[in-house]
Amino acid sequence: MPTSTGPIATLFPGYFALVMATGIISIAAEQQEIHWLAVALYTIAAIGYVVLWVMSVTRVVRYPRLFLADATDHAKGFAFLTTVAGTNVLGSASGIVNGWWDLAWALWWLSLPIYVVLLYITLIAVVISSDKPGLAGGINGTWFLIIVSTQSVAVLGALLLGRHPHDLLAFAVIAMFTLGLVVYLIVMTMVFLRWTFDPLDPTEASPPAWIAAGAVAISVLAGSNILLAAEASVRIQRLSPFLEGMTVLAWATATFWFPLMVAIGVWRHLVRRLPVVYHPSYWALVFPIGMYGAATFRMRAAIALDHLGWLPKVTLAAAMLAWSATFVGLVHTATKWRTSPVR
């Protein structure tokens, strides 16, 4: 019987955040015309995507009980939705960086059933469960992945719409974009209540809290991509003022959260002296930084706002710094796995 203590058995549910973070920074680099960096990051994201799929499928086959325990857990279940977001971010990068739009289509279609299955496994489980944790123990930043995965479908769908106009696709991406905004209001209300009315331990304020900003940042990218596909859809043209307002609202909300996220990090590591040790959840910190820059770049084009031209450049530098530090931690951890006994 296989042991349940190896890296496969204990694979972090949200490890596809590595693909999300690397893929979106690849796109941001391509936006700044740093093609060699975009290609290098895309290659790493693609390799990571394949490796993580192999590990994930192996885990489901060999350790189904452990998988189901995580997938139906309040605090861990929604982390699996990084698989959906990672698939769509890689699809977007496939088209934008390499021009592989057929692959982008294939990844978008792949993401749809994964989205439905992973979302509702966890959502149904946490709703009907009779043994529920309190708000403090049950909710964390991974719940924002409901929004991130939803908006990722809209992001790639809108890119594809610009190349293959279809009214049903236009309706679908608008529906996913607006659904993501509504769910964000629900989740953010619960998380904000948790943050402000219960004592917060440094170990609880983990990197996934940054997805509070990442969820609205990817909403900016979704709204911007939809607006930029307006020529392909009369439906989008009719809704353009509404879509622009919601996109700007999402951008302002993302901008609002970043100082708080930085302050929480300072409090955790400098004030409360929590050691900085690599954990795959740190990719959930890298992703919002890269997403904010890429989304701002697209928003500028979508609403004809040139005054923020400097921001995506600064954000790309910050994202690459965070990515490099996290990647070094990943390599160090992988080296330890390889030198440990086979399990």
Protein backbone atom coordinates (compact mmCIF):
# COMPACT_ATOMS: atom_id res chain seq x y z
CA MET A 1 0.00 0.00 0.00
CA PRO A 2 1.48 3.42 -0.92
CA THR A 3 2.47 5.64 1.96
CA SER A 4 0.50 8.86 2.44
CA THR A 5 3.44 11.04 3.42
CA GLY A 6 5.27 11.54 0.11
CA PRO A 7 5.18 14.61 -2.14
CA ILE A 8 2.47 13.14 -4.36
CA ALA A 9 0.16 12.17 -1.50
CA THR A 10 0.54 15.55 0.16
CA LEU A 11 0.60 17.62 -3.05
CA PHE A 12 -0.59 21.14 -2.28
CA PRO A 13 -4.09 21.57 -3.80
CA GLY A 14 -3.28 25.02 -5.13
CA TYR A 15 0.02 24.21 -6.83
CA PHE A 16 -1.28 25.27 -10.26
CA ALA A 17 -0.83 28.82 -8.96
CA LEU A 18 2.74 28.31 -10.21
CA VAL A 19 1.36 28.14 -13.75
CA MET A 20 -0.95 31.09 -13.10
CA ALA A 21 1.88 33.28 -11.81
CA THR A 22 4.44 32.28 -14.44
CA GLY A 23 1.98 32.47 -17.31
CA ILE A 24 0.66 35.92 -16.49
CA ILE A 25 4.16 37.35 -16.07
CA SER A 26 5.01 35.83 -19.45
CA ILE A 27 2.08 37.77 -20.90
CA ALA A 28 3.17 40.94 -19.09
CA ALA A 29 6.68 40.56 -20.53
CA GLU A 30 5.25 40.16 -24.03
CA GLN A 31 3.20 43.33 -23.48
CA GLN A 32 6.45 45.17 -22.77
CA GLU A 33 8.02 43.63 -25.89
CA ILE A 34 10.52 41.51 -23.92
CA HIS A 35 9.86 38.50 -26.10
CA TRP A 36 12.78 36.34 -24.95
CA LEU A 37 11.63 36.62 -21.33
CA ALA A 38 8.04 35.91 -22.31
CA VAL A 39 9.08 32.75 -24.17
CA ALA A 40 11.31 31.58 -21.32
CA LEU A 41 8.55 32.04 -18.75
CA TYR A 42 5.99 30.41 -21.04
CA THR A 43 8.24 27.38 -21.36
CA ILE A 44 8.55 27.07 -17.59
CA ALA A 45 4.78 27.48 -17.18
CA ALA A 46 4.07 24.83 -19.82
CA ILE A 47 6.50 22.34 -18.27
CA GLY A 48 5.07 23.05 -14.83
CA TYR A 49 1.55 22.53 -16.18
CA VAL A 50 2.35 19.09 -17.58
CA VAL A 51 4.27 17.99 -14.48
CA LEU A 52 1.51 19.14 -12.16
CA TRP A 53 -1.13 17.34 -14.21
CA VAL A 54 0.88 14.11 -14.00
CA MET A 55 1.29 14.54 -10.24
CA SER A 56 -2.37 15.47 -9.74
CA VAL A 57 -3.72 12.53 -11.72
CA THR A 58 -1.33 10.20 -9.91
CA ARG A 59 -2.58 11.54 -6.61
CA VAL A 60 -6.23 11.03 -7.53
CA VAL A 61 -5.54 7.45 -8.67
CA ARG A 62 -3.27 6.39 -5.82
CA TYR A 63 -4.73 8.43 -2.97
CA PRO A 64 -8.40 9.05 -3.79
CA ARG A 65 -9.41 9.41 -0.14
CA LEU A 66 -6.81 12.09 0.49
CA PHE A 67 -7.91 13.94 -2.64
CA LEU A 68 -11.58 13.84 -1.66
CA ALA A 69 -10.75 14.91 1.89
CA ASP A 70 -8.99 18.00 0.56
CA ALA A 71 -11.55 18.68 -2.18
CA THR A 72 -14.44 18.72 0.32
CA ASP A 73 -12.61 20.73 2.96
CA HIS A 74 -13.70 24.32 3.71
CA ALA A 75 -10.13 25.60 3.99
CA LYS A 76 -8.53 23.61 1.13
CA GLY A 77 -11.17 22.65 -1.42
CA PHE A 78 -11.31 25.81 -3.51
CA ALA A 79 -7.52 25.77 -3.92
CA PHE A 80 -8.02 23.09 -6.60
CA LEU A 81 -9.53 25.81 -8.81
CA THR A 82 -5.98 26.96 -9.56
CA THR A 83 -6.13 24.13 -12.11
CA VAL A 84 -8.83 26.03 -14.02
CA ALA A 85 -7.12 29.40 -13.80
CA GLY A 86 -3.75 27.88 -14.70
CA THR A 87 -5.28 26.23 -17.77
CA ASN A 88 -6.79 29.50 -19.01
CA VAL A 89 -3.74 31.62 -18.22
CA LEU A 90 -1.56 29.16 -20.12
CA GLY A 91 -4.10 29.25 -22.96
CA SER A 92 -3.95 33.05 -23.05
CA ALA A 93 -0.15 32.97 -23.06
CA SER A 94 -0.15 30.35 -25.82
CA GLY A 95 -1.98 32.75 -28.10
CA ILE A 96 -0.41 36.05 -27.04
CA VAL A 97 3.21 34.94 -26.74
CA ASN A 98 3.45 32.21 -29.37
CA GLY A 99 0.43 32.72 -31.61
CA TRP A 100 -0.83 29.20 -30.89
CA TRP A 101 -4.52 30.02 -30.97
CA ASP A 102 -5.63 26.46 -31.70
CA LEU A 103 -3.95 25.40 -28.45
CA ALA A 104 -5.62 28.33 -26.71
CA TRP A 105 -9.01 27.08 -27.91
CA ALA A 106 -8.25 23.54 -26.74
CA LEU A 107 -7.20 24.73 -23.28
CA TRP A 108 -10.30 26.93 -22.97
CA TRP A 109 -12.60 24.01 -23.75
CA LEU A 110 -10.61 21.81 -21.35
CA SER A 111 -11.07 24.36 -18.57
CA LEU A 112 -14.88 24.31 -18.74
CA PRO A 113 -15.60 20.79 -17.43
CA ILE A 114 -12.76 21.08 -14.92
CA TYR A 115 -14.31 24.31 -13.66
CA VAL A 116 -17.74 22.76 -13.20
CA VAL A 117 -16.47 19.58 -11.52
CA LEU A 118 -13.97 21.17 -9.13
CA LEU A 119 -16.19 24.11 -8.20
CA TYR A 120 -19.25 22.07 -7.38
CA ILE A 121 -17.44 19.24 -5.58
CA THR A 122 -16.28 21.75 -3.00
CA LEU A 123 -19.27 24.08 -3.06
CA ILE A 124 -21.82 21.31 -2.55
CA ALA A 125 -19.67 19.69 0.14
CA VAL A 126 -19.28 22.86 2.21
CA VAL A 127 -22.99 23.68 1.93
CA ILE A 128 -24.43 20.29 2.88
CA SER A 129 -21.77 19.30 5.42
CA SER A 130 -23.17 18.86 8.93
CA ASP A 131 -19.74 19.26 10.57
CA LYS A 132 -18.77 22.83 9.69
CA PRO A 133 -15.92 24.93 11.06
CA GLY A 134 -16.50 28.47 12.22
CA LEU A 135 -15.76 31.41 9.96
CA ALA A 136 -12.26 31.74 11.44
CA GLY A 137 -11.32 28.15 10.65
CA GLY A 138 -13.19 27.65 7.41
CA ILE A 139 -12.54 30.67 5.21
CA ASN A 140 -9.27 31.98 3.83
CA GLY A 141 -7.83 33.54 0.71
CA THR A 142 -8.32 30.39 -1.37
CA TRP A 143 -12.05 31.16 -1.54
CA PHE A 144 -11.17 34.01 -3.92
CA LEU A 145 -10.15 31.32 -6.40
CA ILE A 146 -13.85 30.91 -7.15
CA ILE A 147 -13.67 34.38 -8.69
CA VAL A 148 -10.24 33.91 -10.26
CA SER A 149 -11.25 30.69 -12.02
CA THR A 150 -14.54 32.20 -13.19
CA GLN A 151 -12.85 35.29 -14.58
CA SER A 152 -10.11 33.22 -16.20
CA VAL A 153 -12.79 31.64 -18.40
CA ALA A 154 -13.94 35.14 -19.39
CA VAL A 155 -10.36 36.35 -19.99
CA LEU A 156 -9.46 33.66 -22.51
CA GLY A 157 -12.96 33.48 -23.95
CA ALA A 158 -12.87 37.20 -24.76
CA LEU A 159 -9.48 36.84 -26.47
CA LEU A 160 -10.90 34.04 -28.60
CA LEU A 161 -14.04 36.08 -29.32
CA GLY A 162 -11.94 38.77 -30.97
CA ARG A 163 -10.67 36.19 -33.45
CA HIS A 164 -13.85 34.12 -33.85
CA PRO A 165 -16.96 36.30 -33.35
CA HIS A 166 -19.99 34.44 -32.04
CA ASP A 167 -22.93 35.86 -30.13
CA LEU A 168 -23.18 32.91 -27.75
CA LEU A 169 -19.51 33.23 -26.85
CA ALA A 170 -19.99 36.97 -26.29
CA PHE A 171 -22.92 36.26 -23.98
CA ALA A 172 -20.92 33.60 -22.12
CA VAL A 173 -17.93 35.82 -21.39
CA ILE A 174 -20.16 38.69 -20.22
CA ALA A 175 -22.05 36.25 -17.99
CA MET A 176 -18.84 34.89 -16.45
CA PHE A 177 -17.44 38.40 -15.95
CA THR A 178 -20.54 39.62 -14.12
CA LEU A 179 -20.86 36.38 -12.13
CA GLY A 180 -17.29 36.81 -10.93
CA LEU A 181 -18.02 40.33 -9.70
CA VAL A 182 -21.10 39.21 -7.76
CA VAL A 183 -19.31 36.27 -6.13
CA TYR A 184 -16.41 38.59 -5.23
CA LEU A 185 -18.80 40.76 -3.22
CA ILE A 186 -20.02 37.70 -1.32
CA VAL A 187 -16.60 36.24 -0.58
CA MET A 188 -14.96 39.57 0.20
CA THR A 189 -17.68 40.37 2.72
CA MET A 190 -17.04 37.12 4.59
CA VAL A 191 -13.26 37.45 4.48
CA PHE A 192 -13.31 41.10 5.52
CA LEU A 193 -15.52 40.25 8.49
CA ARG A 194 -13.02 37.56 9.44
CA TRP A 195 -10.08 39.94 9.16
CA THR A 196 -11.63 42.80 11.09
CA PHE A 197 -13.73 41.21 13.84
CA ASP A 198 -11.71 38.14 14.90
CA PRO A 199 -8.11 38.05 16.14
CA LEU A 200 -5.74 37.29 13.27
CA ASP A 201 -2.79 34.97 13.81
CA PRO A 202 0.31 35.50 11.60
CA THR A 203 0.08 31.91 10.36
CA GLU A 204 -3.48 32.53 9.18
CA ALA A 205 -2.64 35.64 7.13
CA SER A 206 -0.94 33.48 4.54
CA PRO A 207 0.01 34.45 0.95
CA PRO A 208 -3.37 33.31 -0.47
CA ALA A 209 -4.79 36.43 1.19
CA TRP A 210 -3.18 38.30 -1.71
CA ILE A 211 -5.74 36.70 -4.00
CA ALA A 212 -8.18 39.27 -2.60
CA ALA A 213 -6.36 41.69 -4.89
CA GLY A 214 -5.70 39.11 -7.60
CA ALA A 215 -9.39 38.30 -7.94
CA VAL A 216 -10.30 41.86 -8.86
CA ALA A 217 -7.14 42.29 -10.93
CA ILE A 218 -8.14 39.38 -13.17
CA SER A 219 -11.63 40.90 -13.30
CA VAL A 220 -9.99 44.01 -14.77
CA LEU A 221 -8.30 41.86 -17.40
CA ALA A 222 -11.57 40.08 -18.21
CA GLY A 223 -13.49 43.34 -18.55
CA SER A 224 -10.75 44.90 -20.65
CA ASN A 225 -10.55 41.91 -23.00
CA ILE A 226 -14.32 41.98 -23.44
CA LEU A 227 -14.27 45.71 -24.22
CA LEU A 228 -11.47 45.21 -26.73
CA ALA A 229 -13.58 42.57 -28.48
CA ALA A 230 -16.49 45.00 -28.92
CA GLU A 231 -16.07 45.14 -32.70
CA ALA A 232 -16.90 41.44 -32.81
CA SER A 233 -20.18 41.72 -30.93
CA VAL A 234 -23.13 44.10 -31.01
CA ARG A 235 -24.07 42.73 -27.60
CA ILE A 236 -20.81 44.01 -26.11
CA GLN A 237 -21.21 47.34 -27.86
CA ARG A 238 -24.60 47.84 -26.20
CA LEU A 239 -23.09 47.10 -22.78
CA SER A 240 -19.81 48.98 -23.22
CA PRO A 241 -20.54 51.83 -20.74
CA PHE A 242 -21.55 49.31 -18.07
CA LEU A 243 -18.54 47.09 -18.78
CA GLU A 244 -16.15 50.06 -18.62
CA GLY A 245 -17.61 51.15 -15.29
CA MET A 246 -17.27 47.67 -13.79
CA THR A 247 -13.72 47.34 -15.13
CA VAL A 248 -12.64 50.63 -13.57
CA LEU A 249 -14.39 49.66 -10.33
CA ALA A 250 -12.45 46.38 -10.25
CA TRP A 251 -9.15 48.18 -10.96
CA ALA A 252 -9.78 50.67 -8.15
CA THR A 253 -10.62 47.83 -5.77
CA ALA A 254 -7.46 45.91 -6.65
CA THR A 255 -5.38 49.05 -6.16
CA PHE A 256 -7.09 49.65 -2.81
CA TRP A 257 -6.13 46.21 -1.46
CA PHE A 258 -2.42 46.15 -2.28
CA PRO A 259 -1.26 48.47 0.55
CA LEU A 260 -3.15 46.29 3.05
CA MET A 261 -1.57 43.13 1.62
CA VAL A 262 1.90 44.66 1.96
CA ALA A 263 1.12 45.78 5.51
CA ILE A 264 0.01 42.26 6.45
CA GLY A 265 3.27 40.88 5.07
CA VAL A 266 5.33 43.39 7.07
CA TRP A 267 3.34 42.52 10.21
CA ARG A 268 3.80 38.78 9.69
CA HIS A 269 7.51 38.73 8.95
CA LEU A 270 9.01 41.86 10.51
CA VAL A 271 6.76 42.53 13.49
CA ARG A 272 5.73 38.99 14.44
CA ARG A 273 8.98 37.55 13.01
CA LEU A 274 7.41 34.67 11.15
CA PRO A 275 10.22 33.04 9.12
CA VAL A 276 10.02 33.26 5.35
CA VAL A 277 10.14 29.61 4.26
CA TYR A 278 9.16 28.40 0.81
CA HIS A 279 5.65 27.05 0.47
CA PRO A 280 3.75 26.58 -2.80
CA SER A 281 1.14 29.04 -1.52
CA TYR A 282 3.64 31.83 -2.20
CA TRP A 283 2.77 31.53 -5.90
CA ALA A 284 -0.58 32.98 -4.86
CA LEU A 285 1.34 36.10 -3.85
CA VAL A 286 3.25 36.34 -7.12
CA PHE A 287 0.16 35.95 -9.29
CA PRO A 288 -1.73 39.12 -8.20
CA ILE A 289 1.33 41.28 -8.78
CA GLY A 290 1.81 40.02 -12.32
CA MET A 291 -1.92 40.09 -13.01
CA TYR A 292 -2.29 43.68 -11.82
CA GLY A 293 0.34 44.87 -14.29
CA ALA A 294 -0.98 42.85 -17.23
CA ALA A 295 -4.56 43.93 -16.49
CA THR A 296 -3.60 47.60 -16.20
CA PHE A 297 -1.86 47.40 -19.57
CA ARG A 298 -5.00 46.02 -21.23
CA MET A 299 -7.30 48.45 -19.40
CA ARG A 300 -5.31 51.39 -20.75
CA ALA A 301 -6.01 50.19 -24.28
CA ALA A 302 -9.66 49.35 -23.55
CA ILE A 303 -10.61 52.74 -22.09
CA ALA A 304 -8.04 54.91 -23.92
CA LEU A 305 -6.17 55.95 -20.77
CA ASP A 306 -2.51 56.70 -21.45
CA HIS A 307 -1.57 58.21 -18.09
CA LEU A 308 -0.81 54.85 -16.45
CA GLY A 309 1.79 53.74 -18.98
CA TRP A 310 4.47 53.57 -16.31
CA LEU A 311 2.57 51.25 -13.98
CA PRO A 312 2.76 47.96 -15.94
CA LYS A 313 6.53 48.43 -16.28
CA VAL A 314 7.03 48.92 -12.54
CA THR A 315 4.70 46.05 -11.74
CA LEU A 316 6.52 43.71 -14.11
CA ALA A 317 9.79 44.40 -12.29
CA ALA A 318 8.16 43.74 -8.91
CA ALA A 319 6.51 40.56 -10.21
CA MET A 320 9.79 39.24 -11.61
CA LEU A 321 11.51 39.88 -8.28
CA ALA A 322 8.80 37.98 -6.39
CA TRP A 323 8.75 35.22 -9.02
CA SER A 324 12.54 34.76 -8.89
CA ALA A 325 12.59 34.44 -5.10
CA THR A 326 9.73 31.94 -5.15
CA PHE A 327 11.27 29.94 -7.98
CA VAL A 328 14.53 29.62 -6.05
CA GLY A 329 12.52 28.23 -3.15
CA LEU A 330 10.81 25.76 -5.48
CA VAL A 331 14.11 24.52 -6.89
CA HIS A 332 15.53 24.11 -3.38
CA THR A 333 12.46 22.13 -2.29
CA ALA A 334 12.52 19.96 -5.43
CA THR A 335 16.18 19.18 -4.77
CA LYS A 336 15.29 17.99 -1.28
CA TRP A 337 12.54 15.77 -2.72
CA ARG A 338 14.98 14.15 -5.12
CA THR A 339 17.54 13.42 -2.39
CA SER A 340 14.94 12.03 0.03
CA PRO A 341 14.07 8.29 0.05
CA VAL A 342 11.58 7.18 -2.60
CA ARG A 343 8.07 6.76 -1.16
